[in-house]
Amino acid sequence: MLGKETAALKFIPLLWILMSSVAVANEGGDGGGGAAADGLALEPVTVGLNSGHYIQFKPYLKLKDAKDGELVKTYMPVIRYELIKSILGKDPVLVQTPEFVAEFAEGAAVAINKALGDDYVKEVLFEAWLIQ
């Protein structure tokens, strides 16, 4: 018989799939990476934390000007790299706190804008945040 913790861990991937399906349906089925009026939804990012844990999050970039969406899309590898670099190897207990999420979002916006060479990103938001 499975313990409560083990059973709960086996349920998490299913929950993620369901949440992703709802998000795709709400976005019009583009699967992420699509531009909204003032922002850009990215594909989910999965990164290794320490102690064998992983985090998967779905960033949404609020842009300062909607007309920059296509330009920012061309820098997607750089943006994903900056996000991965910023969270790689962090403590899984730390990344579960609201304070960390807020600091990570602020730092990510600064790092992305620095990498792009201009202030295109006004804010980084997260549509999903899952730690395993």
N, C-alpha and C. Protein backbone atom coordinates (compact mmCIF):
# COMPACT_ATOMS: atom_id res chain seq x y z
N MET A 1 0.84 -1.19 0.00
CA MET A 1 0.00 0.00 0.00
C MET A 1 0.88 1.25 0.00
N LEU A 2 0.57 2.19 -0.84
CA LEU A 2 1.34 3.43 -0.95
C LEU A 2 1.04 4.34 0.22
N GLY A 3 2.11 5.03 0.70
CA GLY A 3 1.90 6.03 1.74
C GLY A 3 1.22 7.26 1.14
N LYS A 4 0.70 8.10 2.01
CA LYS A 4 0.01 9.31 1.53
C LYS A 4 0.93 10.21 0.73
N GLU A 5 2.19 10.36 1.17
CA GLU A 5 3.13 11.23 0.45
C GLU A 5 3.46 10.67 -0.93
N THR A 6 3.67 9.35 -1.02
CA THR A 6 3.99 8.74 -2.31
C THR A 6 2.82 8.85 -3.26
N ALA A 7 1.62 8.60 -2.76
CA ALA A 7 0.43 8.72 -3.60
C ALA A 7 0.25 10.15 -4.10
N ALA A 8 0.51 11.12 -3.24
CA ALA A 8 0.38 12.52 -3.63
C ALA A 8 1.40 12.88 -4.70
N LEU A 9 2.63 12.37 -4.58
CA LEU A 9 3.67 12.66 -5.58
C LEU A 9 3.32 12.07 -6.94
N LYS A 10 2.67 10.93 -6.97
CA LYS A 10 2.27 10.31 -8.23
C LYS A 10 1.13 11.09 -8.87
N PHE A 11 0.38 11.83 -8.11
CA PHE A 11 -0.74 12.61 -8.61
C PHE A 11 -0.29 13.93 -9.24
N ILE A 12 0.86 14.46 -8.81
CA ILE A 12 1.31 15.78 -9.25
C ILE A 12 1.47 15.87 -10.77
N PRO A 13 2.14 14.89 -11.45
CA PRO A 13 2.25 15.01 -12.92
C PRO A 13 0.89 15.07 -13.62
N LEU A 14 -0.08 14.30 -13.13
CA LEU A 14 -1.41 14.33 -13.71
C LEU A 14 -2.04 15.70 -13.53
N LEU A 15 -1.86 16.27 -12.35
CA LEU A 15 -2.39 17.61 -12.08
C LEU A 15 -1.76 18.63 -13.03
N TRP A 16 -0.44 18.51 -13.29
CA TRP A 16 0.25 19.43 -14.19
C TRP A 16 -0.33 19.32 -15.61
N ILE A 17 -0.56 18.10 -16.06
CA ILE A 17 -1.12 17.89 -17.41
C ILE A 17 -2.48 18.54 -17.51
N LEU A 18 -3.31 18.35 -16.49
CA LEU A 18 -4.64 18.96 -16.51
C LEU A 18 -4.56 20.48 -16.52
N MET A 19 -3.66 21.03 -15.70
CA MET A 19 -3.52 22.49 -15.65
C MET A 19 -3.03 23.03 -16.99
N SER A 20 -2.11 22.32 -17.62
CA SER A 20 -1.59 22.75 -18.92
C SER A 20 -2.67 22.71 -19.98
N SER A 21 -3.51 21.68 -19.94
CA SER A 21 -4.59 21.56 -20.92
C SER A 21 -5.56 22.71 -20.80
N VAL A 22 -5.88 23.09 -19.58
CA VAL A 22 -6.79 24.22 -19.36
C VAL A 22 -6.14 25.51 -19.84
N ALA A 23 -4.83 25.68 -19.56
CA ALA A 23 -4.14 26.88 -20.01
C ALA A 23 -4.12 26.98 -21.53
N VAL A 24 -3.86 25.87 -22.21
CA VAL A 24 -3.85 25.88 -23.67
C VAL A 24 -5.22 26.22 -24.21
N ALA A 25 -6.26 25.65 -23.62
CA ALA A 25 -7.62 25.94 -24.06
C ALA A 25 -7.94 27.42 -23.87
N ASN A 26 -7.49 27.98 -22.74
CA ASN A 26 -7.76 29.39 -22.47
C ASN A 26 -6.97 30.32 -23.37
N GLU A 27 -5.83 29.86 -23.88
CA GLU A 27 -5.01 30.68 -24.77
C GLU A 27 -5.43 30.58 -26.21
N GLY A 28 -6.45 29.84 -26.49
CA GLY A 28 -6.87 29.68 -27.88
C GLY A 28 -6.18 28.52 -28.55
N GLY A 29 -5.52 27.66 -27.76
CA GLY A 29 -4.94 26.45 -28.29
C GLY A 29 -3.61 26.62 -28.99
N ASP A 30 -2.90 27.72 -28.75
CA ASP A 30 -1.63 27.89 -29.45
C ASP A 30 -0.48 27.17 -28.77
N GLY A 31 -0.72 26.61 -27.58
CA GLY A 31 0.31 25.83 -26.91
C GLY A 31 1.39 26.68 -26.25
N GLY A 32 1.22 27.96 -26.11
CA GLY A 32 2.22 28.82 -25.50
C GLY A 32 3.05 29.50 -26.57
N GLY A 33 3.82 30.46 -26.13
CA GLY A 33 4.66 31.18 -27.06
C GLY A 33 3.89 32.21 -27.88
N GLY A 34 2.58 32.33 -27.64
CA GLY A 34 1.76 33.26 -28.40
C GLY A 34 1.77 34.64 -27.79
N ALA A 35 1.50 35.63 -28.58
CA ALA A 35 1.49 37.00 -28.09
C ALA A 35 0.07 37.43 -27.77
N ALA A 36 -0.11 38.04 -26.63
CA ALA A 36 -1.39 38.63 -26.26
C ALA A 36 -1.27 40.12 -26.57
N ALA A 37 -2.29 40.88 -26.18
CA ALA A 37 -2.29 42.30 -26.48
C ALA A 37 -1.07 43.01 -25.90
N ASP A 38 -0.70 42.67 -24.68
CA ASP A 38 0.42 43.37 -24.04
C ASP A 38 1.49 42.43 -23.53
N GLY A 39 1.49 41.18 -23.97
CA GLY A 39 2.47 40.26 -23.42
C GLY A 39 2.73 39.05 -24.29
N LEU A 40 3.55 38.18 -23.75
CA LEU A 40 4.00 37.01 -24.48
C LEU A 40 4.05 35.82 -23.52
N ALA A 41 3.29 34.77 -23.83
CA ALA A 41 3.30 33.56 -23.02
C ALA A 41 4.41 32.65 -23.53
N LEU A 42 5.26 32.18 -22.63
CA LEU A 42 6.34 31.28 -23.00
C LEU A 42 5.93 29.84 -22.76
N GLU A 43 6.61 28.92 -23.43
CA GLU A 43 6.44 27.49 -23.16
C GLU A 43 6.91 27.22 -21.73
N PRO A 44 6.42 26.17 -21.09
CA PRO A 44 6.91 25.83 -19.74
C PRO A 44 8.42 25.60 -19.74
N VAL A 45 9.05 25.99 -18.63
CA VAL A 45 10.49 25.83 -18.44
C VAL A 45 10.68 24.84 -17.30
N THR A 46 11.53 23.83 -17.50
CA THR A 46 11.83 22.85 -16.47
C THR A 46 13.31 22.97 -16.12
N VAL A 47 13.60 23.06 -14.82
CA VAL A 47 14.97 23.28 -14.36
C VAL A 47 15.24 22.39 -13.15
N GLY A 48 16.47 21.86 -13.07
CA GLY A 48 16.88 21.07 -11.93
C GLY A 48 17.22 21.95 -10.74
N LEU A 49 16.65 21.61 -9.60
CA LEU A 49 16.99 22.26 -8.34
C LEU A 49 18.01 21.37 -7.64
N ASN A 50 18.42 21.71 -6.42
CA ASN A 50 19.34 20.82 -5.74
C ASN A 50 18.56 19.67 -5.09
N SER A 51 19.26 18.69 -4.59
CA SER A 51 18.68 17.50 -3.93
C SER A 51 17.80 16.68 -4.86
N GLY A 52 18.05 16.73 -6.16
CA GLY A 52 17.29 15.90 -7.10
C GLY A 52 15.88 16.37 -7.38
N HIS A 53 15.53 17.57 -7.00
CA HIS A 53 14.20 18.12 -7.26
C HIS A 53 14.21 18.91 -8.57
N TYR A 54 13.02 19.13 -9.09
CA TYR A 54 12.86 19.91 -10.31
C TYR A 54 11.77 20.93 -10.12
N ILE A 55 11.86 22.01 -10.90
CA ILE A 55 10.79 23.00 -10.94
C ILE A 55 10.36 23.15 -12.39
N GLN A 56 9.07 23.29 -12.59
CA GLN A 56 8.54 23.61 -13.90
C GLN A 56 7.63 24.83 -13.72
N PHE A 57 7.88 25.84 -14.52
CA PHE A 57 7.06 27.05 -14.43
C PHE A 57 6.76 27.55 -15.83
N LYS A 58 5.67 28.30 -15.94
CA LYS A 58 5.23 28.83 -17.24
C LYS A 58 5.25 30.35 -17.15
N PRO A 59 6.30 30.98 -17.68
CA PRO A 59 6.42 32.43 -17.61
C PRO A 59 5.52 33.17 -18.62
N TYR A 60 5.13 34.34 -18.23
CA TYR A 60 4.38 35.25 -19.09
C TYR A 60 5.08 36.60 -18.99
N LEU A 61 5.51 37.13 -20.11
CA LEU A 61 6.20 38.41 -20.14
C LEU A 61 5.23 39.53 -20.48
N LYS A 62 5.06 40.47 -19.56
CA LYS A 62 4.28 41.67 -19.86
C LYS A 62 5.25 42.65 -20.51
N LEU A 63 4.90 43.07 -21.71
CA LEU A 63 5.78 43.94 -22.47
C LEU A 63 5.44 45.40 -22.27
N LYS A 64 6.44 46.26 -22.37
CA LYS A 64 6.20 47.70 -22.26
C LYS A 64 5.41 48.21 -23.46
N ASP A 65 5.62 47.57 -24.62
CA ASP A 65 4.91 47.98 -25.83
C ASP A 65 4.53 46.71 -26.61
N ALA A 66 3.26 46.53 -26.87
CA ALA A 66 2.77 45.32 -27.54
C ALA A 66 3.41 45.11 -28.92
N LYS A 67 3.80 46.19 -29.58
CA LYS A 67 4.38 46.06 -30.92
C LYS A 67 5.75 45.37 -30.89
N ASP A 68 6.35 45.23 -29.71
CA ASP A 68 7.65 44.59 -29.59
C ASP A 68 7.56 43.07 -29.45
N GLY A 69 6.36 42.52 -29.44
CA GLY A 69 6.17 41.09 -29.24
C GLY A 69 6.92 40.22 -30.23
N GLU A 70 6.86 40.56 -31.50
CA GLU A 70 7.55 39.75 -32.52
C GLU A 70 9.06 39.84 -32.36
N LEU A 71 9.57 41.01 -32.02
CA LEU A 71 11.00 41.17 -31.81
C LEU A 71 11.46 40.35 -30.61
N VAL A 72 10.72 40.42 -29.52
CA VAL A 72 11.08 39.68 -28.32
C VAL A 72 11.04 38.17 -28.59
N LYS A 73 10.10 37.71 -29.40
CA LYS A 73 10.02 36.28 -29.75
C LYS A 73 11.32 35.78 -30.37
N THR A 74 12.00 36.63 -31.13
CA THR A 74 13.23 36.20 -31.78
C THR A 74 14.35 35.94 -30.77
N TYR A 75 14.20 36.47 -29.58
CA TYR A 75 15.20 36.29 -28.52
C TYR A 75 14.80 35.20 -27.52
N MET A 76 13.85 34.34 -27.88
CA MET A 76 13.36 33.33 -26.95
C MET A 76 14.47 32.45 -26.36
N PRO A 77 15.44 31.99 -27.14
CA PRO A 77 16.51 31.19 -26.52
C PRO A 77 17.28 31.96 -25.43
N VAL A 78 17.54 33.23 -25.67
CA VAL A 78 18.24 34.06 -24.68
C VAL A 78 17.38 34.23 -23.44
N ILE A 79 16.10 34.47 -23.63
CA ILE A 79 15.18 34.65 -22.50
C ILE A 79 15.10 33.38 -21.67
N ARG A 80 14.93 32.23 -22.32
CA ARG A 80 14.86 30.95 -21.60
C ARG A 80 16.17 30.68 -20.86
N TYR A 81 17.29 30.98 -21.49
CA TYR A 81 18.60 30.80 -20.85
C TYR A 81 18.69 31.64 -19.58
N GLU A 82 18.30 32.89 -19.64
CA GLU A 82 18.36 33.76 -18.46
C GLU A 82 17.48 33.23 -17.33
N LEU A 83 16.29 32.73 -17.67
CA LEU A 83 15.40 32.16 -16.65
C LEU A 83 16.01 30.92 -16.02
N ILE A 84 16.55 30.04 -16.84
CA ILE A 84 17.15 28.80 -16.33
C ILE A 84 18.35 29.12 -15.45
N LYS A 85 19.21 30.00 -15.92
CA LYS A 85 20.41 30.37 -15.18
C LYS A 85 20.06 30.97 -13.80
N SER A 86 18.96 31.70 -13.74
CA SER A 86 18.58 32.38 -12.51
C SER A 86 18.06 31.44 -11.42
N ILE A 87 17.60 30.25 -11.79
CA ILE A 87 16.97 29.37 -10.79
C ILE A 87 17.67 28.02 -10.65
N LEU A 88 18.58 27.71 -11.53
CA LEU A 88 19.28 26.43 -11.54
C LEU A 88 19.98 26.17 -10.20
N GLY A 89 19.73 24.98 -9.63
CA GLY A 89 20.40 24.55 -8.40
C GLY A 89 19.90 25.17 -7.11
N LYS A 90 18.81 25.92 -7.15
CA LYS A 90 18.28 26.55 -5.93
C LYS A 90 17.69 25.49 -5.00
N ASP A 91 17.49 25.87 -3.76
CA ASP A 91 16.90 25.00 -2.75
C ASP A 91 15.40 24.87 -3.00
N PRO A 92 14.87 23.63 -3.11
CA PRO A 92 13.44 23.46 -3.40
C PRO A 92 12.53 24.04 -2.32
N VAL A 93 13.00 24.10 -1.09
CA VAL A 93 12.18 24.69 -0.01
C VAL A 93 12.10 26.21 -0.21
N LEU A 94 13.21 26.81 -0.61
CA LEU A 94 13.26 28.26 -0.84
C LEU A 94 12.34 28.68 -1.97
N VAL A 95 12.34 27.94 -3.09
CA VAL A 95 11.59 28.37 -4.26
C VAL A 95 10.08 28.23 -4.09
N GLN A 96 9.64 27.65 -2.99
CA GLN A 96 8.20 27.50 -2.74
C GLN A 96 7.60 28.71 -2.02
N THR A 97 8.42 29.67 -1.65
CA THR A 97 7.92 30.81 -0.88
C THR A 97 7.45 31.93 -1.80
N PRO A 98 6.42 32.65 -1.39
CA PRO A 98 5.95 33.78 -2.19
C PRO A 98 7.02 34.86 -2.35
N GLU A 99 7.87 35.02 -1.33
CA GLU A 99 8.94 36.01 -1.41
C GLU A 99 9.93 35.66 -2.52
N PHE A 100 10.27 34.37 -2.64
CA PHE A 100 11.20 33.96 -3.69
C PHE A 100 10.59 34.20 -5.07
N VAL A 101 9.32 33.84 -5.24
CA VAL A 101 8.67 34.00 -6.54
C VAL A 101 8.68 35.47 -6.96
N ALA A 102 8.38 36.36 -6.00
CA ALA A 102 8.38 37.80 -6.30
C ALA A 102 9.78 38.29 -6.66
N GLU A 103 10.79 37.88 -5.90
CA GLU A 103 12.17 38.28 -6.18
C GLU A 103 12.65 37.70 -7.50
N PHE A 104 12.30 36.45 -7.76
CA PHE A 104 12.70 35.81 -9.02
C PHE A 104 12.08 36.53 -10.21
N ALA A 105 10.81 36.92 -10.10
CA ALA A 105 10.13 37.62 -11.18
C ALA A 105 10.81 38.96 -11.46
N GLU A 106 11.12 39.71 -10.41
CA GLU A 106 11.80 41.00 -10.58
C GLU A 106 13.18 40.83 -11.20
N GLY A 107 13.94 39.89 -10.65
CA GLY A 107 15.28 39.64 -11.15
C GLY A 107 15.28 39.14 -12.59
N ALA A 108 14.29 38.32 -12.93
CA ALA A 108 14.18 37.80 -14.29
C ALA A 108 13.92 38.92 -15.28
N ALA A 109 13.05 39.85 -14.94
CA ALA A 109 12.76 40.98 -15.83
C ALA A 109 14.02 41.80 -16.07
N VAL A 110 14.77 42.05 -15.01
CA VAL A 110 16.01 42.83 -15.13
C VAL A 110 17.02 42.08 -16.01
N ALA A 111 17.21 40.78 -15.75
CA ALA A 111 18.18 39.98 -16.51
C ALA A 111 17.79 39.88 -17.99
N ILE A 112 16.51 39.70 -18.27
CA ILE A 112 16.04 39.60 -19.66
C ILE A 112 16.27 40.93 -20.38
N ASN A 113 15.88 42.03 -19.75
CA ASN A 113 16.08 43.34 -20.38
C ASN A 113 17.56 43.63 -20.62
N LYS A 114 18.41 43.24 -19.67
CA LYS A 114 19.85 43.45 -19.84
C LYS A 114 20.36 42.63 -21.03
N ALA A 115 19.91 41.38 -21.12
CA ALA A 115 20.34 40.51 -22.23
C ALA A 115 19.84 41.02 -23.58
N LEU A 116 18.63 41.61 -23.60
CA LEU A 116 18.07 42.12 -24.84
C LEU A 116 18.60 43.51 -25.20
N GLY A 117 19.23 44.17 -24.25
CA GLY A 117 19.81 45.48 -24.53
C GLY A 117 18.82 46.63 -24.50
N ASP A 118 17.62 46.40 -24.01
CA ASP A 118 16.61 47.46 -23.91
C ASP A 118 15.54 47.00 -22.93
N ASP A 119 14.70 47.93 -22.49
CA ASP A 119 13.65 47.61 -21.52
C ASP A 119 12.36 47.19 -22.22
N TYR A 120 12.35 46.02 -22.83
CA TYR A 120 11.16 45.50 -23.49
C TYR A 120 10.17 44.90 -22.51
N VAL A 121 10.68 44.25 -21.45
CA VAL A 121 9.84 43.52 -20.51
C VAL A 121 9.53 44.39 -19.31
N LYS A 122 8.24 44.60 -19.09
CA LYS A 122 7.78 45.40 -17.96
C LYS A 122 7.71 44.54 -16.70
N GLU A 123 7.28 43.29 -16.86
CA GLU A 123 7.06 42.43 -15.70
C GLU A 123 7.06 40.97 -16.16
N VAL A 124 7.54 40.08 -15.28
CA VAL A 124 7.46 38.65 -15.53
C VAL A 124 6.45 38.07 -14.54
N LEU A 125 5.49 37.35 -15.08
CA LEU A 125 4.47 36.68 -14.26
C LEU A 125 4.59 35.18 -14.50
N PHE A 126 3.95 34.39 -13.64
CA PHE A 126 3.99 32.94 -13.80
C PHE A 126 2.57 32.40 -13.82
N GLU A 127 2.24 31.66 -14.87
CA GLU A 127 0.93 31.04 -15.00
C GLU A 127 0.88 29.68 -14.32
N ALA A 128 2.02 29.08 -14.07
CA ALA A 128 2.10 27.80 -13.36
C ALA A 128 3.45 27.74 -12.66
N TRP A 129 3.49 27.04 -11.51
CA TRP A 129 4.70 26.91 -10.70
C TRP A 129 4.62 25.58 -9.99
N LEU A 130 5.40 24.60 -10.41
CA LEU A 130 5.32 23.24 -9.88
C LEU A 130 6.70 22.75 -9.48
N ILE A 131 6.83 22.27 -8.23
CA ILE A 131 8.09 21.73 -7.75
C ILE A 131 7.90 20.26 -7.44
N GLN A 132 8.84 19.43 -7.92
CA GLN A 132 8.79 17.99 -7.68
C GLN A 132 10.09 17.53 -7.10
